[in-house]
Amino acid sequence: MKVEQAILAQLEGSAAVVALVGTRVYQLKLKQNTTFPAIRVQMIDEFHDHHFRGRSKLSRSRVQIDSYGTETGTSDPYAAVQDVA
């Protein structure tokens, strides 16, 4: 399992996250006309460690997680996005 898939599974399994965004946790790109708030997870980079015999099975990954919100009436969109973050 790749690291971004593991992060998606953790977010989708978290009761606190589900309470804020429901099932709107996406990998790489948001669906068109998505309802907000939502979360997007994207792999930015993956570094593989090497040793004298070549590439090791260990790697380090950099993953970006974005939270999206929308401006609605009197609610503060920044506060809503900060809650999701």
C-alpha atoms as a PDB file:
ATOM      1  CA  MET A   1       0.000   0.000   0.000  1.00  0.00           C
ATOM      2  CA  LYS A   2       1.355   3.413  -0.929  1.00  0.00           C
ATOM      3  CA  VAL A   3       1.641   6.072   1.746  1.00  0.00           C
ATOM      4  CA  GLU A   4      -1.047   8.343   0.244  1.00  0.00           C
ATOM      5  CA  GLN A   5      -3.499   5.430   0.226  1.00  0.00           C
ATOM      6  CA  ALA A   6      -2.715   4.757   3.888  1.00  0.00           C
ATOM      7  CA  ILE A   7      -3.332   8.425   4.704  1.00  0.00           C
ATOM      8  CA  LEU A   8      -6.629   8.343   2.785  1.00  0.00           C
ATOM      9  CA  ALA A   9      -7.700   5.272   4.770  1.00  0.00           C
ATOM     10  CA  GLN A  10      -6.808   6.987   8.059  1.00  0.00           C
ATOM     11  CA  LEU A  11      -8.740  10.132   7.126  1.00  0.00           C
ATOM     12  CA  GLU A  12     -11.787   8.189   5.910  1.00  0.00           C
ATOM     13  CA  GLY A  13     -11.733   6.094   9.097  1.00  0.00           C
ATOM     14  CA  SER A  14     -11.538   9.069  11.462  1.00  0.00           C
ATOM     15  CA  ALA A  15     -14.878   9.957  13.070  1.00  0.00           C
ATOM     16  CA  ALA A  16     -13.763  13.584  13.534  1.00  0.00           C
ATOM     17  CA  VAL A  17     -12.896  13.979   9.842  1.00  0.00           C
ATOM     18  CA  VAL A  18     -16.081  12.239   8.690  1.00  0.00           C
ATOM     19  CA  ALA A  19     -18.117  14.587  10.887  1.00  0.00           C
ATOM     20  CA  LEU A  20     -16.591  17.588   9.090  1.00  0.00           C
ATOM     21  CA  VAL A  21     -16.312  16.427   5.453  1.00  0.00           C
ATOM     22  CA  GLY A  22     -18.338  13.230   5.204  1.00  0.00           C
ATOM     23  CA  THR A  23     -16.978  11.059   2.402  1.00  0.00           C
ATOM     24  CA  ARG A  24     -15.395  13.965   0.499  1.00  0.00           C
ATOM     25  CA  VAL A  25     -11.775  12.827   0.853  1.00  0.00           C
ATOM     26  CA  TYR A  26     -10.113  12.575  -2.557  1.00  0.00           C
ATOM     27  CA  GLN A  27      -6.785  11.454  -3.967  1.00  0.00           C
ATOM     28  CA  LEU A  28      -4.964  13.776  -6.389  1.00  0.00           C
ATOM     29  CA  LYS A  29      -7.906  15.863  -7.628  1.00  0.00           C
ATOM     30  CA  LEU A  30     -11.347  16.940  -6.497  1.00  0.00           C
ATOM     31  CA  LYS A  31     -14.411  15.744  -8.363  1.00  0.00           C
ATOM     32  CA  GLN A  32     -16.099  18.306 -10.567  1.00  0.00           C
ATOM     33  CA  ASN A  33     -18.837  20.255  -8.730  1.00  0.00           C
ATOM     34  CA  THR A  34     -17.794  18.788  -5.398  1.00  0.00           C
ATOM     35  CA  THR A  35     -19.532  19.967  -2.248  1.00  0.00           C
ATOM     36  CA  PHE A  36     -17.321  21.665   0.324  1.00  0.00           C
ATOM     37  CA  PRO A  37     -15.694  21.224   2.799  1.00  0.00           C
ATOM     38  CA  ALA A  38     -13.462  18.561   1.268  1.00  0.00           C
ATOM     39  CA  ILE A  39      -9.936  17.153   1.563  1.00  0.00           C
ATOM     40  CA  ARG A  40      -7.422  16.333  -1.193  1.00  0.00           C
ATOM     41  CA  VAL A  41      -4.363  14.104  -0.680  1.00  0.00           C
ATOM     42  CA  GLN A  42      -1.472  14.171  -3.148  1.00  0.00           C
ATOM     43  CA  MET A  43       1.933  12.488  -3.242  1.00  0.00           C
ATOM     44  CA  ILE A  44       4.533  15.200  -3.861  1.00  0.00           C
ATOM     45  CA  ASP A  45       7.747  13.221  -3.859  1.00  0.00           C
ATOM     46  CA  GLU A  46       9.171   9.866  -2.885  1.00  0.00           C
ATOM     47  CA  PHE A  47      12.824   9.300  -2.022  1.00  0.00           C
ATOM     48  CA  HIS A  48      14.283   5.805  -2.141  1.00  0.00           C
ATOM     49  CA  ASP A  49      17.231   4.998   0.071  1.00  0.00           C
ATOM     50  CA  HIS A  50      20.252   3.288  -1.430  1.00  0.00           C
ATOM     51  CA  HIS A  51      23.094   1.239  -0.019  1.00  0.00           C
ATOM     52  CA  PHE A  52      26.134  -0.457  -1.522  1.00  0.00           C
ATOM     53  CA  ARG A  53      24.052  -3.268  -2.998  1.00  0.00           C
ATOM     54  CA  GLY A  54      21.630  -0.877  -4.708  1.00  0.00           C
ATOM     55  CA  ARG A  55      18.181   0.376  -3.842  1.00  0.00           C
ATOM     56  CA  SER A  56      16.800  -0.520  -0.433  1.00  0.00           C
ATOM     57  CA  LYS A  57      13.166  -1.290   0.320  1.00  0.00           C
ATOM     58  CA  LEU A  58      12.920   1.806   2.486  1.00  0.00           C
ATOM     59  CA  SER A  59      11.597   5.081   1.153  1.00  0.00           C
ATOM     60  CA  ARG A  60      10.620   8.504   2.451  1.00  0.00           C
ATOM     61  CA  SER A  61       7.554  10.221   1.048  1.00  0.00           C
ATOM     62  CA  ARG A  62       6.313  13.780   1.040  1.00  0.00           C
ATOM     63  CA  VAL A  63       2.518  14.044   0.935  1.00  0.00           C
ATOM     64  CA  GLN A  64       0.444  17.210   0.656  1.00  0.00           C
ATOM     65  CA  ILE A  65      -3.001  17.364   2.266  1.00  0.00           C
ATOM     66  CA  ASP A  66      -5.247  20.278   1.257  1.00  0.00           C
ATOM     67  CA  SER A  67      -8.490  21.255   2.919  1.00  0.00           C
ATOM     68  CA  TYR A  68     -11.099  23.174   0.934  1.00  0.00           C
ATOM     69  CA  GLY A  69     -14.049  25.225   2.093  1.00  0.00           C
ATOM     70  CA  THR A  70     -16.533  27.670   0.679  1.00  0.00           C
ATOM     71  CA  GLU A  71     -17.890  31.034   1.700  1.00  0.00           C
ATOM     72  CA  THR A  72     -21.497  30.677   2.841  1.00  0.00           C
ATOM     73  CA  GLY A  73     -23.560  33.435   4.419  1.00  0.00           C
ATOM     74  CA  THR A  74     -22.219  34.431   7.810  1.00  0.00           C
ATOM     75  CA  SER A  75     -19.869  31.501   8.346  1.00  0.00           C
ATOM     76  CA  ASP A  76     -16.152  32.170   8.180  1.00  0.00           C
ATOM     77  CA  PRO A  77     -14.633  29.986   5.407  1.00  0.00           C
ATOM     78  CA  TYR A  78     -11.127  30.251   6.858  1.00  0.00           C
ATOM     79  CA  ALA A  79     -12.315  28.984  10.240  1.00  0.00           C
ATOM     80  CA  ALA A  80     -14.128  26.078   8.596  1.00  0.00           C
ATOM     81  CA  VAL A  81     -11.028  25.105   6.614  1.00  0.00           C
ATOM     82  CA  GLN A  82      -8.871  25.407   9.738  1.00  0.00           C
ATOM     83  CA  ASP A  83     -11.237  23.014  11.543  1.00  0.00           C
ATOM     84  CA  VAL A  84     -10.790  20.489   8.757  1.00  0.00           C
ATOM     85  CA  ALA A  85      -7.023  20.989   8.707  1.00  0.00           C
END
